[in-house]
């Protein structure tokens, strides 16, 4: 007789979608810190670490000051920079509000 482990459908889908393991070694204190933070957010350790690592990776990439582009990509980028700005009602409204420190 086998005992099945009931898993929520959304969780089962997320686990099934992952196919490449990442293994790391940490100090006991680091694991406890990660577990405490994950618990505060209602996440398991793996989900917490994956979301945090991906968020930090995106920040590192977005913080780069040198971008490499071929000539077509560069022309498209320059065209976007040279195009006239689009008027946005929400942005215009926000810009017209006096900040609290000037009131």
Protein backbone atom coordinates (compact mmCIF):
# COMPACT_ATOMS: atom_id res chain seq x y z
CA UNK A 1 0.00 0.00 0.00
CA UNK A 2 1.45 3.36 -0.97
CA UNK A 3 0.75 6.54 0.88
CA UNK A 4 0.29 9.53 -1.36
CA UNK A 5 1.35 12.97 -0.36
CA UNK A 6 -1.49 15.38 -1.13
CA UNK A 7 -0.12 18.43 -2.92
CA UNK A 8 -2.13 21.48 -3.89
CA UNK A 9 -2.69 21.56 -7.68
CA UNK A 10 -1.01 24.97 -8.16
CA UNK A 11 2.01 23.83 -6.14
CA UNK A 12 2.21 20.56 -8.05
CA UNK A 13 2.19 22.49 -11.35
CA UNK A 14 4.97 24.81 -10.15
CA UNK A 15 7.10 21.88 -9.01
CA UNK A 16 6.48 20.00 -12.25
CA UNK A 17 7.49 23.05 -14.31
CA UNK A 18 10.93 23.12 -12.70
CA UNK A 19 13.37 20.75 -14.24
CA UNK A 20 16.88 21.84 -13.31
CA UNK A 21 18.08 21.53 -9.73
CA UNK A 22 20.48 23.99 -8.11
CA UNK A 23 22.39 22.75 -5.08
CA UNK A 24 24.22 25.02 -2.65
CA UNK A 25 25.87 24.55 0.71
CA UNK A 26 25.16 27.09 3.42
CA UNK A 27 26.04 27.63 7.04
CA UNK A 28 23.45 26.62 9.61
CA UNK A 29 22.83 30.27 10.55
CA UNK A 30 22.25 31.20 6.90
CA UNK A 31 19.73 28.40 6.47
CA UNK A 32 17.91 29.49 9.61
CA UNK A 33 17.82 33.10 8.42
CA UNK A 34 16.46 32.07 5.02
CA UNK A 35 13.87 29.80 6.62
CA UNK A 36 12.73 32.56 8.98
CA UNK A 37 12.28 35.03 6.12
CA UNK A 38 10.45 32.46 3.98
CA UNK A 39 8.15 31.66 6.88
CA UNK A 40 7.33 35.35 7.35
CA UNK A 41 6.25 35.52 3.70
CA UNK A 42 4.35 32.23 3.82
CA UNK A 43 6.71 30.59 1.34
CA UNK A 44 8.83 27.51 1.41
CA UNK A 45 12.61 27.80 1.31
CA UNK A 46 12.95 26.88 -2.37
CA UNK A 47 10.32 29.35 -3.57
CA UNK A 48 11.75 32.10 -1.39
CA UNK A 49 15.32 31.51 -2.58
CA UNK A 50 14.33 31.25 -6.24
CA UNK A 51 12.23 34.44 -6.19
CA UNK A 52 14.89 36.35 -4.27
CA UNK A 53 17.74 35.16 -6.49
CA UNK A 54 15.80 35.98 -9.67
CA UNK A 55 14.87 39.45 -8.38
CA UNK A 56 18.50 40.16 -7.50
CA UNK A 57 19.74 38.78 -10.83
CA UNK A 58 17.34 41.06 -12.71
CA UNK A 59 18.52 44.05 -10.65
CA UNK A 60 22.16 43.27 -11.44
CA UNK A 61 21.41 42.99 -15.15
CA UNK A 62 19.32 46.17 -15.20
CA UNK A 63 22.08 48.05 -13.37
CA UNK A 64 24.58 47.49 -16.17
CA UNK A 65 25.81 50.62 -17.85
CA UNK A 66 27.23 49.02 -20.96
CA UNK A 67 24.90 47.34 -23.40
CA UNK A 68 26.00 45.49 -26.48
CA UNK A 69 23.83 45.77 -29.58
CA UNK A 70 24.29 45.03 -33.24
CA UNK A 71 23.68 47.82 -35.77
CA UNK A 72 19.97 47.01 -36.23
CA UNK A 73 19.34 46.95 -32.49
CA UNK A 74 21.25 50.20 -32.07
CA UNK A 75 19.24 51.96 -34.80
CA UNK A 76 15.97 50.76 -33.20
CA UNK A 77 17.16 51.99 -29.80
CA UNK A 78 18.14 55.42 -31.15
CA UNK A 79 14.79 55.68 -32.97
CA UNK A 80 12.99 55.11 -29.66
CA UNK A 81 15.10 57.78 -27.97
CA UNK A 82 14.53 60.27 -30.79
CA UNK A 83 10.77 59.68 -31.01
CA UNK A 84 8.58 62.38 -29.44
CA UNK A 85 7.38 61.65 -25.94
CA UNK A 86 3.82 60.43 -25.58
CA UNK A 87 1.53 62.55 -23.43
CA UNK A 88 0.14 60.53 -20.55
CA UNK A 89 -2.73 61.95 -18.53
CA UNK A 90 -1.73 60.18 -15.32
CA UNK A 91 1.83 61.41 -15.54
CA UNK A 92 0.73 64.98 -16.30
CA UNK A 93 -1.63 64.90 -13.31
CA UNK A 94 1.13 63.56 -11.06
CA UNK A 95 3.55 66.26 -12.22
CA UNK A 96 1.00 69.00 -11.44
CA UNK A 97 0.57 67.96 -7.78
CA UNK A 98 2.69 69.91 -5.30
CA UNK A 99 4.79 67.62 -3.10
CA UNK A 100 3.90 67.58 0.60
CA UNK A 101 7.16 69.27 1.62
CA UNK A 102 6.26 72.30 -0.51
CA UNK A 103 2.77 72.76 0.95
